[in-house]
Amino acid sequence: MTIEGPPQPEQGTPHEDSGSERVALRAAELAPQMIKTYEDLHRHPEIGGQEVETAARIKTELERLGIEIVQEKIGNPAFGFKGTGIIARIRGKEDGPTVALRADIDALPITESKDHKVRSENEGVSHACGHDAHIAGLLGATELLKEYAERGELPGDVILLFQPSEESAVQKESGAVQMVQALERLGLRDEIKAFFGQHVFRSSERGKINVKEGVLNASSGDFKIMLSGAGGHIMNAYEQPNLNSIFSEVTMRLEEYFRPQSQEGRAHVASSGPKLEGHSGNVLAAAGEAIWVVRIPHETYKEDREAIAEKIKQVVAEVVEKHDPKQKINVSYKMRYGYRPVISRDKELVAIAEETAKKIIPDCENESKTLMGGEDFAFYAEELRGKTIPSVFMMVGAANPSKGIPIGPHHTTDFQIDPDVIQDLAAIHAKFALTALEKLGQKKE
């Protein structure tokens, strides 16, 4: 595999800053190693909360680098976690400030395309969102920052979080919540003065980023509709309530209502389809459920989601009444409240993140737009007992059509990224930490 390092610095390019150039060039040197790690992780994906081999691989790398592991095996078994979260620390200047960097480590229950050169060996599971790249990139940044620490050039401490189960939309099952609780127990949450996270973004080409003040990612949660009836033979489909027909009409009604809102950037509500018990070619289902994913890209998401829940209930009630005037069907609902949007309120950290990326990536462009994608990094910035951690989150373009890696969606069987973006992740992580520590240290003085 050909590894493309960053271009040599020229007057007026993003690499004219010597500190940034030094970081970028070291990240390029580490790129082959990081890509090897990425490919190994890609072949062995594990779903949220079950990332046992992944955590072991991370721990081995941290031990190889001589990194202090503050706590491992994080994750409450009561919620299905196998204890795969890891918090580590690089110690720098003794009286310096502390910043934190995070990578999520879970994969998805998606069967990967057989056309991929590097393919998952765990059938039915794949890294279809790029978290394998996040791990490799943060491990590369860890090595780079450790080298700064060994030379006495790290202006403070860097906390490293390798977080399980980012993909869950339910708060108690979120890996970020488990990690926040661990930070609290360790007394580290109040110590962190700046928190930074990144996510590869296949919907943009390499060289583009997305970071902004305000809402970057939408609040995410889901609304479950459960129906039960008599079921029976398909020959009676027009004589008794047909759950499949009810779900189909609910889908059409809700799409008609929410599609314009999504296009206007107000709310997005969609279902991947109902699950019907006992349904087959000539059998009417006796029970079924559909989950509607709710995305709200506004700080008023708490109020908005209540209104959305009521609208869904209203539509379901109207459709069920139409198909079941004698009220034979039992209807129940369950709203699982999601997490808040990723909100960057700290202007200085947003500026540092944008400036860092533009110094690391030649001709970098910030798209600065709000996305409907959800991200549990929000929990790190969530207010807890009247305090918040100053945080910023960034999307990093990872498509590269010139290499046959087209722009496209996440969570698909053909998901792939340009592996060379991993050196961008590593360099941005490292440079952000160095810059934030330096500026925070100056304020402290």
Protein backbone atom coordinates (compact mmCIF):
# COMPACT_ATOMS: atom_id res chain seq x y z
CA MET A 1 0.00 0.00 0.00
CA THR A 2 1.34 3.41 -0.93
CA ILE A 3 1.45 5.86 1.93
CA GLU A 4 1.10 9.48 0.98
CA GLY A 5 2.73 11.77 3.51
CA PRO A 6 1.82 15.45 3.75
CA PRO A 7 3.28 17.72 1.10
CA GLN A 8 6.48 19.54 1.87
CA PRO A 9 5.83 22.97 3.38
CA GLU A 10 5.73 25.96 1.08
CA GLN A 11 5.30 29.64 1.85
CA GLY A 12 1.63 30.30 2.49
CA THR A 13 0.58 26.65 2.89
CA PRO A 14 -1.00 25.27 6.09
CA HIS A 15 2.36 23.73 7.06
CA GLU A 16 4.22 27.02 7.41
CA ASP A 17 3.77 26.70 11.21
CA SER A 18 6.84 24.75 12.32
CA GLY A 19 5.11 23.04 15.25
CA SER A 20 2.28 21.84 13.04
CA GLU A 21 4.71 20.70 10.37
CA ARG A 22 6.67 18.71 12.93
CA VAL A 23 3.51 16.97 14.13
CA ALA A 24 2.25 16.31 10.59
CA LEU A 25 5.57 14.86 9.43
CA ARG A 26 5.79 12.55 12.48
CA ALA A 27 2.21 11.41 11.88
CA ALA A 28 3.17 10.61 8.28
CA GLU A 29 6.11 8.53 9.54
CA LEU A 30 3.74 6.61 11.83
CA ALA A 31 1.14 6.15 9.07
CA PRO A 32 2.21 2.65 7.92
CA GLN A 33 2.06 1.42 11.51
CA MET A 34 -1.33 3.08 12.10
CA ILE A 35 -2.79 1.64 8.90
CA LYS A 36 -1.61 -1.83 9.91
CA THR A 37 -3.41 -1.38 13.25
CA TYR A 38 -6.51 -0.11 11.45
CA GLU A 39 -6.57 -3.12 9.09
CA ASP A 40 -6.18 -5.54 11.99
CA LEU A 41 -9.03 -3.89 13.87
CA HIS A 42 -11.14 -3.82 10.70
CA ARG A 43 -10.78 -7.59 10.32
CA HIS A 44 -11.91 -8.20 13.90
CA PRO A 45 -14.87 -5.92 14.68
CA GLU A 46 -17.02 -6.30 17.79
CA ILE A 47 -20.41 -4.77 18.55
CA GLY A 48 -21.06 -2.24 21.30
CA GLY A 49 -20.20 -3.32 24.83
CA GLN A 50 -18.64 -6.58 23.59
CA GLU A 51 -15.30 -5.21 22.33
CA VAL A 52 -13.14 -7.64 24.32
CA GLU A 53 -10.47 -8.37 21.67
CA THR A 54 -10.47 -4.72 20.60
CA ALA A 55 -9.80 -3.57 24.16
CA ALA A 56 -7.04 -6.16 24.53
CA ARG A 57 -5.43 -4.87 21.33
CA ILE A 58 -5.58 -1.29 22.60
CA LYS A 59 -4.13 -2.26 25.97
CA THR A 60 -1.23 -4.07 24.28
CA GLU A 61 -0.40 -0.94 22.28
CA LEU A 62 -0.59 1.29 25.34
CA GLU A 63 1.69 -1.05 27.28
CA ARG A 64 4.13 -1.15 24.36
CA LEU A 65 4.34 2.63 24.53
CA GLY A 66 4.70 2.66 28.32
CA ILE A 67 1.44 4.59 28.78
CA GLU A 68 -0.13 4.70 32.23
CA ILE A 69 -3.49 2.91 32.23
CA VAL A 70 -5.61 4.70 34.83
CA GLN A 71 -8.55 2.29 34.61
CA GLU A 72 -9.67 -0.50 32.32
CA LYS A 73 -12.65 -2.87 32.09
CA ILE A 74 -15.08 0.05 32.22
CA GLY A 75 -18.75 -0.73 31.55
CA ASN A 76 -21.62 -1.83 33.78
CA PRO A 77 -22.51 -5.54 33.26
CA ALA A 78 -26.12 -4.72 34.24
CA PHE A 79 -26.48 -2.98 30.88
CA GLY A 80 -24.75 -5.70 28.87
CA PHE A 81 -21.21 -4.30 28.96
CA LYS A 82 -18.25 -6.69 29.15
CA GLY A 83 -15.95 -4.07 30.63
CA THR A 84 -14.08 -2.84 27.55
CA GLY A 85 -13.61 0.88 28.21
CA ILE A 86 -10.08 2.14 28.90
CA ILE A 87 -8.85 5.42 30.40
CA ALA A 88 -5.14 6.15 30.08
CA ARG A 89 -2.90 9.13 30.81
CA ILE A 90 0.21 10.75 29.40
CA ARG A 91 1.88 12.88 32.04
CA GLY A 92 3.54 16.09 30.96
CA LYS A 93 4.52 19.28 32.78
CA GLU A 94 3.78 18.67 36.45
CA ASP A 95 1.78 21.84 37.15
CA GLY A 96 0.27 22.04 33.66
CA PRO A 97 -3.42 21.73 32.73
CA THR A 98 -5.19 18.56 31.55
CA VAL A 99 -6.96 17.89 28.24
CA ALA A 100 -8.75 14.77 27.02
CA LEU A 101 -8.98 12.96 23.69
CA ARG A 102 -11.51 10.23 22.85
CA ALA A 103 -11.93 7.40 20.34
CA ASP A 104 -14.99 5.15 20.15
CA ILE A 105 -14.25 1.46 19.56
CA ASP A 106 -17.49 -0.39 18.65
CA ALA A 107 -18.63 -1.85 15.33
CA LEU A 108 -22.10 -2.55 13.91
CA PRO A 109 -24.21 -5.67 13.16
CA ILE A 110 -23.76 -5.21 9.40
CA THR A 111 -22.42 -7.81 6.95
CA GLU A 112 -19.63 -6.24 4.94
CA SER A 113 -19.38 -6.39 1.15
CA LYS A 114 -17.19 -9.22 -0.15
CA ASP A 115 -15.59 -6.79 -2.58
CA HIS A 116 -13.54 -5.07 0.12
CA LYS A 117 -9.79 -5.64 0.02
CA VAL A 118 -9.62 -5.68 3.84
CA ARG A 119 -12.76 -7.44 5.07
CA SER A 120 -14.29 -8.32 8.41
CA GLU A 121 -13.64 -11.89 9.53
CA ASN A 122 -16.51 -11.71 12.06
CA GLU A 123 -19.52 -12.62 9.93
CA GLY A 124 -22.41 -10.21 10.33
CA VAL A 125 -20.31 -7.54 12.09
CA SER A 126 -18.28 -4.75 10.51
CA HIS A 127 -16.73 -1.37 11.21
CA ALA A 128 -19.25 0.36 8.98
CA CYS A 129 -18.80 3.73 10.68
CA GLY A 130 -15.02 4.12 10.88
CA HIS A 131 -14.40 3.60 14.58
CA ASP A 132 -11.45 1.36 13.71
CA ALA A 133 -9.81 4.42 12.13
CA HIS A 134 -10.54 6.42 15.28
CA ILE A 135 -8.71 3.86 17.43
CA ALA A 136 -5.71 3.71 15.12
CA GLY A 137 -5.56 7.50 14.89
CA LEU A 138 -5.69 8.03 18.66
CA LEU A 139 -3.06 5.35 19.24
CA GLY A 140 -0.83 7.16 16.73
CA ALA A 141 -1.43 10.46 18.51
CA THR A 142 -0.63 8.71 21.80
CA GLU A 143 2.78 7.64 20.53
CA LEU A 144 3.47 11.11 19.17
CA LEU A 145 2.46 12.86 22.42
CA LYS A 146 4.44 10.36 24.51
CA GLU A 147 7.52 11.38 22.53
CA TYR A 148 6.82 15.02 23.41
CA ALA A 149 6.46 14.06 27.06
CA GLU A 150 9.76 12.17 27.04
CA ARG A 151 11.51 15.26 25.64
CA GLY A 152 9.92 17.42 28.35
CA GLU A 153 7.86 19.28 25.72
CA LEU A 154 4.32 18.30 26.76
CA PRO A 155 2.80 21.35 28.54
CA GLY A 156 0.43 19.27 30.70
CA ASP A 157 -1.37 15.94 30.94
CA VAL A 158 -3.42 14.22 28.25
CA ILE A 159 -6.23 11.84 29.23
CA LEU A 160 -6.99 9.18 26.59
CA LEU A 161 -10.42 7.57 26.45
CA PHE A 162 -11.14 4.45 24.41
CA GLN A 163 -14.91 4.24 24.65
CA PRO A 164 -17.23 1.29 23.98
CA SER A 165 -20.80 1.35 22.63
CA GLU A 166 -21.09 4.73 20.95
CA GLU A 167 -23.81 3.50 18.60
CA SER A 168 -26.48 3.06 21.28
CA ALA A 169 -29.14 5.77 21.34
CA VAL A 170 -30.20 4.90 24.88
CA GLN A 171 -28.54 6.89 27.65
CA LYS A 172 -27.92 4.07 30.14
CA GLU A 173 -26.49 1.88 27.35
CA SER A 174 -24.24 4.62 25.99
CA GLY A 175 -20.53 4.03 26.36
CA ALA A 176 -19.96 7.74 26.91
CA VAL A 177 -22.16 7.68 30.02
CA GLN A 178 -20.13 4.76 31.36
CA MET A 179 -16.91 6.68 30.74
CA VAL A 180 -18.24 9.89 32.35
CA GLN A 181 -19.16 7.91 35.45
CA ALA A 182 -15.65 6.43 35.52
CA LEU A 183 -14.10 9.91 35.19
CA GLU A 184 -16.24 11.01 38.13
CA ARG A 185 -15.16 8.06 40.28
CA LEU A 186 -11.52 8.74 39.46
CA GLY A 187 -11.83 12.46 40.22
CA LEU A 188 -10.73 13.32 36.68
CA ARG A 189 -13.84 14.98 35.28
CA ASP A 190 -13.25 18.31 37.01
CA GLU A 191 -9.57 18.16 36.10
CA ILE A 192 -10.19 18.13 32.33
CA LYS A 193 -10.16 21.68 30.93
CA ALA A 194 -10.64 20.82 27.25
CA PHE A 195 -12.12 17.72 25.60
CA PHE A 196 -11.74 16.89 21.91
CA GLY A 197 -13.30 14.22 19.72
CA GLN A 198 -13.22 13.43 16.00
CA HIS A 199 -15.20 11.28 13.58
CA VAL A 200 -14.32 10.28 10.04
CA PHE A 201 -16.99 11.42 7.58
CA ARG A 202 -17.46 9.51 4.35
CA SER A 203 -20.00 12.09 3.15
CA SER A 204 -17.14 14.55 2.57
CA GLU A 205 -13.83 14.21 0.75
CA ARG A 206 -10.52 14.06 2.55
CA GLY A 207 -9.35 17.63 3.06
CA LYS A 208 -12.70 18.87 4.35
CA ILE A 209 -13.73 19.17 7.98
CA ASN A 210 -16.89 20.14 9.82
CA VAL A 211 -16.59 21.98 13.12
CA LYS A 212 -18.68 24.84 14.40
CA GLU A 213 -20.13 26.68 17.35
CA GLY A 214 -23.58 25.59 18.41
CA VAL A 215 -25.22 22.35 17.32
CA LEU A 216 -23.03 20.13 15.15
CA ASN A 217 -24.85 16.79 15.53
CA ALA A 218 -28.52 16.16 16.20
CA SER A 219 -30.11 14.84 19.37
CA SER A 220 -30.97 11.20 18.80
CA GLY A 221 -33.50 8.90 20.38
CA ASP A 222 -36.20 6.47 19.31
CA PHE A 223 -39.91 5.87 19.64
CA LYS A 224 -41.16 2.29 19.62
CA ILE A 225 -44.69 1.40 18.46
CA MET A 226 -45.97 -2.03 19.53
CA LEU A 227 -49.17 -3.58 18.16
CA SER A 228 -50.81 -6.92 18.95
CA GLY A 229 -53.93 -8.53 17.47
CA ALA A 230 -55.52 -11.86 16.59
CA GLY A 231 -53.35 -12.78 13.62
CA GLY A 232 -54.50 -15.68 11.50
CA HIS A 233 -54.72 -16.80 7.88
CA ILE A 234 -53.87 -14.43 5.05
CA MET A 235 -57.29 -15.21 3.52
CA ASN A 236 -58.79 -13.01 6.25
CA ALA A 237 -56.51 -10.03 5.54
CA TYR A 238 -59.45 -7.78 4.62
CA GLU A 239 -61.79 -9.07 7.29
CA GLN A 240 -59.69 -8.37 10.36
CA PRO A 241 -56.96 -5.87 11.29
CA ASN A 242 -53.75 -6.47 9.37
CA LEU A 243 -50.74 -5.24 11.35
CA ASN A 244 -48.58 -5.04 8.26
CA SER A 245 -51.07 -2.73 6.55
CA ILE A 246 -51.31 -0.57 9.67
CA PHE A 247 -47.54 -0.15 9.92
CA SER A 248 -47.34 0.63 6.19
CA GLU A 249 -49.94 3.39 6.44
CA VAL A 250 -48.32 4.82 9.58
CA THR A 251 -45.04 4.94 7.67
CA MET A 252 -46.58 6.82 4.75
CA ARG A 253 -48.39 9.29 7.03
CA LEU A 254 -45.32 10.06 9.15
CA GLU A 255 -43.03 10.38 6.15
CA GLU A 256 -45.46 12.81 4.55
CA TYR A 257 -45.40 14.90 7.73
CA PHE A 258 -41.70 14.77 8.64
CA ARG A 259 -39.98 14.75 5.24
CA PRO A 260 -40.47 18.53 4.72
CA GLN A 261 -39.23 19.17 8.28
CA SER A 262 -36.10 17.15 7.60
CA GLN A 263 -35.44 19.05 4.39
CA GLU A 264 -35.80 22.32 6.31
CA GLY A 265 -33.39 21.10 9.01
CA ARG A 266 -36.02 21.07 11.78
CA ALA A 267 -36.43 17.37 12.58
CA HIS A 268 -35.91 13.96 11.02
CA VAL A 269 -38.06 10.95 11.92
CA ALA A 270 -37.76 7.64 10.08
CA SER A 271 -38.23 3.90 10.54
CA SER A 272 -36.24 1.04 9.05
CA GLY A 273 -39.43 -1.05 8.92
CA PRO A 274 -41.56 -3.17 11.28
CA LYS A 275 -40.64 -6.52 12.82
CA LEU A 276 -43.62 -8.88 12.71
CA GLU A 277 -43.92 -11.99 14.89
CA GLY A 278 -44.93 -15.18 13.10
CA HIS A 279 -45.45 -13.41 9.77
CA SER A 280 -44.95 -15.47 6.61
CA GLY A 281 -46.43 -15.73 3.14
CA ASN A 282 -49.86 -16.91 4.26
CA VAL A 283 -49.87 -15.91 7.95
CA LEU A 284 -51.04 -12.61 9.41
CA ALA A 285 -48.79 -11.47 12.25
CA ALA A 286 -50.28 -11.46 15.74
CA ALA A 287 -47.77 -8.93 17.05
CA GLY A 288 -45.26 -6.47 15.69
CA GLU A 289 -43.22 -3.41 16.48
CA ALA A 290 -41.56 -0.56 14.62
CA ILE A 291 -38.89 1.76 15.94
CA TRP A 292 -38.90 5.34 14.74
CA VAL A 293 -35.54 7.07 15.08
CA VAL A 294 -35.92 10.72 16.06
CA ARG A 295 -33.26 13.31 15.20
CA ILE A 296 -33.57 16.94 16.31
CA PRO A 297 -30.77 19.39 15.40
CA HIS A 298 -31.66 22.14 17.89
CA GLU A 299 -30.85 23.08 21.46
CA THR A 300 -34.62 22.96 22.12
CA TYR A 301 -34.60 19.21 21.50
CA LYS A 302 -36.18 18.38 24.88
CA GLU A 303 -39.31 20.36 24.10
CA ASP A 304 -39.35 19.33 20.43
CA ARG A 305 -39.16 15.59 21.12
CA GLU A 306 -42.30 15.72 23.30
CA ALA A 307 -44.21 17.31 20.42
CA ILE A 308 -42.84 14.70 18.00
CA ALA A 309 -43.86 11.86 20.32
CA GLU A 310 -47.39 13.23 20.51
CA LYS A 311 -47.56 13.52 16.70
CA ILE A 312 -46.48 9.89 16.27
CA LYS A 313 -49.07 8.74 18.83
CA GLN A 314 -51.76 10.75 17.06
CA VAL A 315 -50.99 9.24 13.66
CA VAL A 316 -50.85 5.69 15.04
CA ALA A 317 -54.18 6.15 16.85
CA GLU A 318 -55.88 7.48 13.71
CA VAL A 319 -54.57 4.67 11.49
CA VAL A 320 -55.42 1.93 14.01
CA GLU A 321 -58.94 3.34 14.40
CA LYS A 322 -59.39 3.29 10.62
CA HIS A 323 -58.28 -0.36 10.30
CA ASP A 324 -59.74 -1.55 13.60
CA PRO A 325 -63.01 0.25 14.41
CA LYS A 326 -64.00 -2.51 16.88
CA GLN A 327 -60.77 -1.97 18.85
CA LYS A 328 -59.44 -5.52 18.69
CA ILE A 329 -55.82 -4.38 18.50
CA ASN A 330 -53.75 -3.52 21.56
CA VAL A 331 -51.45 -0.56 21.05
CA SER A 332 -48.54 0.45 23.27
CA TYR A 333 -45.74 2.98 22.96
CA LYS A 334 -42.28 3.40 24.37
CA MET A 335 -40.19 6.54 23.98
CA ARG A 336 -36.52 6.03 24.72
CA TYR A 337 -35.16 9.49 25.29
CA GLY A 338 -31.95 10.15 23.46
CA TYR A 339 -28.99 12.31 24.17
CA ARG A 340 -28.54 16.00 23.62
CA PRO A 341 -26.97 17.45 20.50
CA VAL A 342 -23.21 17.85 20.36
CA ILE A 343 -22.96 21.53 21.23
CA SER A 344 -19.69 23.44 21.18
CA ARG A 345 -20.19 26.47 23.39
CA ASP A 346 -16.52 27.30 23.89
CA LYS A 347 -15.52 29.67 21.09
CA GLU A 348 -11.82 29.32 21.84
CA LEU A 349 -11.83 25.52 21.54
CA VAL A 350 -13.79 25.65 18.28
CA ALA A 351 -11.21 28.11 16.96
CA ILE A 352 -8.31 25.90 18.12
CA ALA A 353 -9.86 22.83 16.46
CA GLU A 354 -10.44 24.62 13.15
CA GLU A 355 -7.01 26.27 13.20
CA THR A 356 -5.36 22.92 14.03
CA ALA A 357 -7.01 21.10 11.12
CA LYS A 358 -6.12 23.86 8.68
CA LYS A 359 -2.48 23.72 9.75
CA ILE A 360 -2.35 19.93 9.43
CA ILE A 361 -4.39 19.37 6.24
CA PRO A 362 -3.30 21.26 3.12
CA ASP A 363 -6.09 23.40 1.57
CA CYS A 364 -8.44 22.37 4.35
CA GLU A 365 -12.04 23.57 4.02
CA ASN A 366 -14.45 23.86 6.96
CA GLU A 367 -18.01 23.08 5.83
CA SER A 368 -19.38 24.34 9.18
CA LYS A 369 -22.87 22.83 8.98
CA THR A 370 -25.26 21.03 11.30
CA LEU A 371 -25.72 17.30 10.65
CA MET A 372 -28.60 14.93 11.40
CA GLY A 373 -26.18 12.27 12.60
CA GLY A 374 -26.20 11.56 16.35
CA GLU A 375 -23.08 11.25 18.53
CA ASP A 376 -22.85 10.33 22.20
CA PHE A 377 -19.74 12.49 22.64
CA ALA A 378 -22.42 14.95 23.76
CA PHE A 379 -22.48 13.30 27.19
CA TYR A 380 -18.95 14.50 27.95
CA ALA A 381 -20.12 18.09 27.52
CA GLU A 382 -23.39 17.52 29.39
CA GLU A 383 -23.92 19.56 32.54
CA LEU A 384 -23.39 17.50 35.68
CA ARG A 385 -23.94 19.02 39.11
CA GLY A 386 -23.74 22.49 37.61
CA LYS A 387 -20.46 21.91 35.75
CA THR A 388 -19.57 21.12 32.16
CA ILE A 389 -16.35 20.06 30.45
CA PRO A 390 -15.39 22.57 27.72
CA SER A 391 -15.62 20.36 24.62
CA VAL A 392 -15.47 20.46 20.85
CA PHE A 393 -16.21 17.80 18.23
CA MET A 394 -15.08 17.61 14.61
CA MET A 395 -16.03 15.62 11.52
CA VAL A 396 -13.09 14.81 9.22
CA GLY A 397 -13.67 14.08 5.53
CA ALA A 398 -12.61 10.53 4.60
CA ALA A 399 -13.84 9.85 1.05
CA ASN A 400 -11.42 10.00 -1.87
CA PRO A 401 -13.03 9.45 -5.32
CA SER A 402 -9.63 9.61 -7.03
CA LYS A 403 -8.73 6.39 -5.17
CA GLY A 404 -12.06 4.71 -5.86
CA ILE A 405 -13.49 5.62 -2.42
CA PRO A 406 -16.63 7.59 -3.31
CA ILE A 407 -18.63 9.94 -1.16
CA GLY A 408 -21.43 7.99 0.47
CA PRO A 409 -23.37 7.21 3.65
CA HIS A 410 -22.25 5.48 6.85
CA HIS A 411 -23.70 2.19 8.19
CA THR A 412 -23.74 0.45 4.80
CA THR A 413 -22.31 -2.87 3.59
CA ASP A 414 -19.90 -1.04 1.28
CA PHE A 415 -18.66 1.55 3.79
CA GLN A 416 -15.01 2.41 3.34
CA ILE A 417 -12.65 5.33 3.91
CA ASP A 418 -9.30 6.50 2.59
CA PRO A 419 -6.88 4.90 5.11
CA ASP A 420 -4.52 7.85 4.69
CA VAL A 421 -7.00 9.98 6.64
CA ILE A 422 -5.80 8.16 9.78
CA GLN A 423 -2.61 10.22 9.81
CA ASP A 424 -4.81 13.34 9.66
CA LEU A 425 -6.71 12.12 12.74
CA ALA A 426 -3.50 11.42 14.64
CA ALA A 427 -1.89 14.74 13.78
CA ILE A 428 -5.04 16.75 14.56
CA HIS A 429 -5.47 14.99 17.92
CA ALA A 430 -1.86 15.63 18.87
CA LYS A 431 -1.68 19.22 17.67
CA PHE A 432 -5.01 20.10 19.30
CA ALA A 433 -3.75 18.73 22.63
CA LEU A 434 -0.45 20.60 22.38
CA THR A 435 -2.11 23.89 21.42
CA ALA A 436 -4.88 23.66 24.02
CA LEU A 437 -2.39 22.78 26.77
CA GLU A 438 -0.16 25.67 25.84
CA LYS A 439 -3.00 28.21 25.78
CA LEU A 440 -4.58 26.90 28.97
CA GLY A 441 -1.18 27.02 30.66
CA GLN A 442 -0.72 30.65 29.65
CA LYS A 443 -4.10 31.52 31.19
CA LYS A 444 -3.11 29.75 34.39
CA GLU A 445 0.05 31.78 34.64
